[in-house]
Amino acid sequence: MKLSKKLIGKYVIVDWVDVVSEMRVKLHSIELAKCRINGKVIEVFPCLVLEHDSCGELGDYTMLPSSLITSLEVLCQQS
């Protein structure tokens, strides 16, 4: 998914896939894990960085490579 710097400062919901490891299963039954996360976009290059909470210099962040993102919905812009 192509990401734009116009997303910075906006609150979003991101659907993405994550790797999985399965043991003792048939090959056709394994698939990537479907994940969903929300937060405020603070950076978009080279990865999407979401901020969930911050307190001074410390914060809770998620960094996602754009290749893992399957959809992105903008909720609202920072006020």
N, C-alpha and C. Protein backbone atom coordinates (compact mmCIF):
# COMPACT_ATOMS: atom_id res chain seq x y z
N MET A 1 0.85 -1.18 0.00
CA MET A 1 0.00 0.00 0.00
C MET A 1 0.89 1.23 0.00
N LYS A 2 0.56 2.19 -0.86
CA LYS A 2 1.31 3.45 -0.92
C LYS A 2 0.78 4.38 0.16
N LEU A 3 1.68 4.92 0.96
CA LEU A 3 1.32 5.81 2.06
C LEU A 3 1.72 7.25 1.74
N SER A 4 0.93 8.20 2.21
CA SER A 4 1.18 9.61 1.95
C SER A 4 1.51 10.34 3.25
N LYS A 5 2.40 11.31 3.17
CA LYS A 5 2.73 12.13 4.35
C LYS A 5 1.53 12.96 4.79
N LYS A 6 0.47 13.05 3.98
CA LYS A 6 -0.76 13.74 4.35
C LYS A 6 -1.46 13.04 5.51
N LEU A 7 -1.08 11.80 5.80
CA LEU A 7 -1.67 11.05 6.92
C LEU A 7 -1.13 11.51 8.28
N ILE A 8 0.01 12.19 8.30
CA ILE A 8 0.62 12.60 9.56
C ILE A 8 -0.34 13.49 10.34
N GLY A 9 -0.54 13.15 11.62
CA GLY A 9 -1.42 13.89 12.50
C GLY A 9 -2.85 13.38 12.50
N LYS A 10 -3.17 12.42 11.62
CA LYS A 10 -4.53 11.89 11.54
C LYS A 10 -4.64 10.60 12.35
N TYR A 11 -5.83 10.37 12.89
CA TYR A 11 -6.11 9.13 13.60
C TYR A 11 -6.66 8.12 12.59
N VAL A 12 -6.12 6.91 12.62
CA VAL A 12 -6.46 5.91 11.61
C VAL A 12 -6.72 4.54 12.24
N ILE A 13 -7.41 3.71 11.47
CA ILE A 13 -7.52 2.28 11.76
C ILE A 13 -6.78 1.57 10.65
N VAL A 14 -5.87 0.68 11.00
CA VAL A 14 -5.04 -0.02 10.02
C VAL A 14 -5.28 -1.52 10.14
N ASP A 15 -5.62 -2.14 9.01
CA ASP A 15 -5.67 -3.60 8.93
C ASP A 15 -4.36 -4.04 8.30
N TRP A 16 -3.74 -5.07 8.89
CA TRP A 16 -2.45 -5.54 8.40
C TRP A 16 -2.32 -7.03 8.67
N VAL A 17 -1.34 -7.65 8.07
CA VAL A 17 -1.11 -9.09 8.28
C VAL A 17 0.23 -9.29 8.97
N ASP A 18 0.29 -10.33 9.77
CA ASP A 18 1.50 -10.65 10.51
C ASP A 18 1.89 -12.09 10.21
N VAL A 19 3.16 -12.38 10.37
CA VAL A 19 3.65 -13.74 10.14
C VAL A 19 3.15 -14.67 11.24
N VAL A 20 3.03 -15.93 10.92
CA VAL A 20 2.63 -16.94 11.89
C VAL A 20 3.56 -18.14 11.77
N SER A 21 3.60 -18.91 12.82
CA SER A 21 4.34 -20.17 12.81
C SER A 21 3.39 -21.23 13.34
N GLU A 22 3.17 -22.26 12.56
CA GLU A 22 2.25 -23.33 12.96
C GLU A 22 3.01 -24.65 12.93
N MET A 23 2.69 -25.51 13.87
CA MET A 23 3.33 -26.82 13.93
C MET A 23 2.28 -27.90 13.84
N ARG A 24 2.61 -28.96 13.13
CA ARG A 24 1.74 -30.13 13.00
C ARG A 24 0.40 -29.78 12.37
N VAL A 25 0.45 -29.00 11.28
CA VAL A 25 -0.76 -28.66 10.54
C VAL A 25 -0.53 -28.97 9.07
N LYS A 26 -1.60 -29.06 8.31
CA LYS A 26 -1.49 -29.25 6.87
C LYS A 26 -1.15 -27.92 6.22
N LEU A 27 -0.34 -27.97 5.18
CA LEU A 27 0.14 -26.76 4.52
C LEU A 27 -0.99 -25.83 4.10
N HIS A 28 -2.08 -26.35 3.56
CA HIS A 28 -3.16 -25.49 3.07
C HIS A 28 -3.92 -24.78 4.19
N SER A 29 -3.71 -25.15 5.43
CA SER A 29 -4.44 -24.52 6.54
C SER A 29 -3.71 -23.33 7.16
N ILE A 30 -2.47 -23.10 6.75
CA ILE A 30 -1.72 -21.98 7.34
C ILE A 30 -1.92 -20.71 6.51
N GLU A 31 -2.11 -19.59 7.21
CA GLU A 31 -2.26 -18.29 6.54
C GLU A 31 -1.76 -17.20 7.47
N LEU A 32 -1.51 -16.03 6.89
CA LEU A 32 -1.06 -14.89 7.68
C LEU A 32 -2.14 -14.49 8.68
N ALA A 33 -1.73 -13.98 9.83
CA ALA A 33 -2.67 -13.53 10.85
C ALA A 33 -3.22 -12.16 10.46
N LYS A 34 -4.54 -12.01 10.51
CA LYS A 34 -5.18 -10.73 10.21
C LYS A 34 -5.23 -9.91 11.50
N CYS A 35 -4.71 -8.68 11.42
CA CYS A 35 -4.59 -7.83 12.60
C CYS A 35 -5.22 -6.47 12.33
N ARG A 36 -5.60 -5.78 13.41
CA ARG A 36 -6.16 -4.42 13.30
C ARG A 36 -5.60 -3.60 14.46
N ILE A 37 -5.26 -2.36 14.15
CA ILE A 37 -4.72 -1.47 15.17
C ILE A 37 -5.15 -0.05 14.85
N ASN A 38 -5.21 0.80 15.86
CA ASN A 38 -5.55 2.20 15.62
C ASN A 38 -4.58 3.09 16.37
N GLY A 39 -4.47 4.32 15.92
CA GLY A 39 -3.59 5.29 16.55
C GLY A 39 -3.42 6.52 15.69
N LYS A 40 -2.58 7.44 16.15
CA LYS A 40 -2.29 8.67 15.42
C LYS A 40 -1.02 8.49 14.60
N VAL A 41 -1.07 8.83 13.33
CA VAL A 41 0.09 8.70 12.45
C VAL A 41 1.09 9.79 12.79
N ILE A 42 2.34 9.38 13.07
CA ILE A 42 3.38 10.37 13.34
C ILE A 42 4.52 10.32 12.32
N GLU A 43 4.57 9.25 11.51
CA GLU A 43 5.58 9.15 10.45
C GLU A 43 5.07 8.16 9.40
N VAL A 44 5.49 8.35 8.14
CA VAL A 44 5.05 7.43 7.09
C VAL A 44 6.19 6.88 6.24
N PHE A 45 7.42 7.32 6.44
CA PHE A 45 8.50 6.82 5.60
C PHE A 45 9.71 6.45 6.44
N PRO A 46 10.27 5.27 6.32
CA PRO A 46 9.92 4.22 5.36
C PRO A 46 8.77 3.33 5.85
N CYS A 47 8.43 3.43 7.11
CA CYS A 47 7.34 2.62 7.67
C CYS A 47 6.27 3.55 8.24
N LEU A 48 5.07 3.02 8.38
CA LEU A 48 4.00 3.76 9.06
C LEU A 48 4.25 3.64 10.55
N VAL A 49 4.32 4.77 11.25
CA VAL A 49 4.51 4.76 12.70
C VAL A 49 3.27 5.37 13.34
N LEU A 50 2.64 4.59 14.23
CA LEU A 50 1.46 5.05 14.96
C LEU A 50 1.81 5.29 16.41
N GLU A 51 1.28 6.38 16.96
CA GLU A 51 1.44 6.67 18.38
C GLU A 51 0.12 6.34 19.07
N HIS A 52 0.21 5.59 20.17
CA HIS A 52 -0.98 5.19 20.90
C HIS A 52 -1.15 5.99 22.19
N ASP A 53 -0.05 6.35 22.79
CA ASP A 53 -0.07 7.10 24.06
C ASP A 53 1.32 7.69 24.24
N SER A 54 1.41 8.85 24.84
CA SER A 54 2.72 9.42 25.11
C SER A 54 2.69 10.20 26.41
N CYS A 55 3.85 10.24 27.04
CA CYS A 55 4.01 10.96 28.30
C CYS A 55 5.42 11.53 28.29
N GLY A 56 5.55 12.79 27.93
CA GLY A 56 6.88 13.39 27.83
C GLY A 56 7.66 12.78 26.68
N GLU A 57 8.86 12.29 26.96
CA GLU A 57 9.72 11.72 25.94
C GLU A 57 9.39 10.27 25.62
N LEU A 58 8.62 9.60 26.49
CA LEU A 58 8.30 8.19 26.30
C LEU A 58 6.92 8.05 25.68
N GLY A 59 6.73 6.97 24.92
CA GLY A 59 5.43 6.74 24.30
C GLY A 59 5.25 5.28 23.93
N ASP A 60 4.02 4.95 23.53
CA ASP A 60 3.68 3.62 23.02
C ASP A 60 3.48 3.75 21.52
N TYR A 61 4.28 3.01 20.75
CA TYR A 61 4.28 3.15 19.30
C TYR A 61 4.20 1.80 18.61
N THR A 62 3.70 1.82 17.38
CA THR A 62 3.72 0.65 16.50
C THR A 62 4.32 1.09 15.18
N MET A 63 5.27 0.29 14.64
CA MET A 63 5.90 0.58 13.35
C MET A 63 5.53 -0.56 12.39
N LEU A 64 4.89 -0.20 11.27
CA LEU A 64 4.44 -1.19 10.30
C LEU A 64 5.01 -0.90 8.92
N PRO A 65 5.67 -1.89 8.31
CA PRO A 65 6.08 -1.72 6.92
C PRO A 65 4.83 -1.64 6.03
N SER A 66 4.85 -0.79 5.03
CA SER A 66 3.67 -0.62 4.17
C SER A 66 3.28 -1.92 3.46
N SER A 67 4.24 -2.81 3.24
CA SER A 67 3.95 -4.07 2.55
C SER A 67 3.02 -4.99 3.35
N LEU A 68 2.92 -4.78 4.66
CA LEU A 68 2.04 -5.61 5.50
C LEU A 68 0.63 -5.03 5.62
N ILE A 69 0.44 -3.76 5.23
CA ILE A 69 -0.85 -3.09 5.40
C ILE A 69 -1.80 -3.48 4.28
N THR A 70 -3.02 -3.92 4.68
CA THR A 70 -4.02 -4.31 3.68
C THR A 70 -5.08 -3.23 3.50
N SER A 71 -5.35 -2.42 4.53
CA SER A 71 -6.27 -1.29 4.38
C SER A 71 -6.01 -0.28 5.48
N LEU A 72 -6.41 0.96 5.19
CA LEU A 72 -6.20 2.05 6.14
C LEU A 72 -7.42 2.98 6.05
N GLU A 73 -8.04 3.25 7.19
CA GLU A 73 -9.20 4.15 7.25
C GLU A 73 -8.87 5.33 8.14
N VAL A 74 -9.06 6.55 7.63
CA VAL A 74 -8.83 7.75 8.42
C VAL A 74 -10.06 8.02 9.27
N LEU A 75 -9.86 8.13 10.59
CA LEU A 75 -10.97 8.43 11.50
C LEU A 75 -11.18 9.92 11.63
N CYS A 76 -10.14 10.64 11.98
CA CYS A 76 -10.25 12.09 12.13
C CYS A 76 -8.86 12.69 12.15
N GLN A 77 -8.82 14.01 12.06
CA GLN A 77 -7.55 14.73 12.09
C GLN A 77 -7.33 15.28 13.48
N GLN A 78 -6.08 15.44 13.87
CA GLN A 78 -5.74 16.00 15.17
C GLN A 78 -6.34 17.38 15.31
N SER A 79 -6.91 17.68 16.51
CA SER A 79 -7.50 19.00 16.72
C SER A 79 -6.51 19.95 17.33
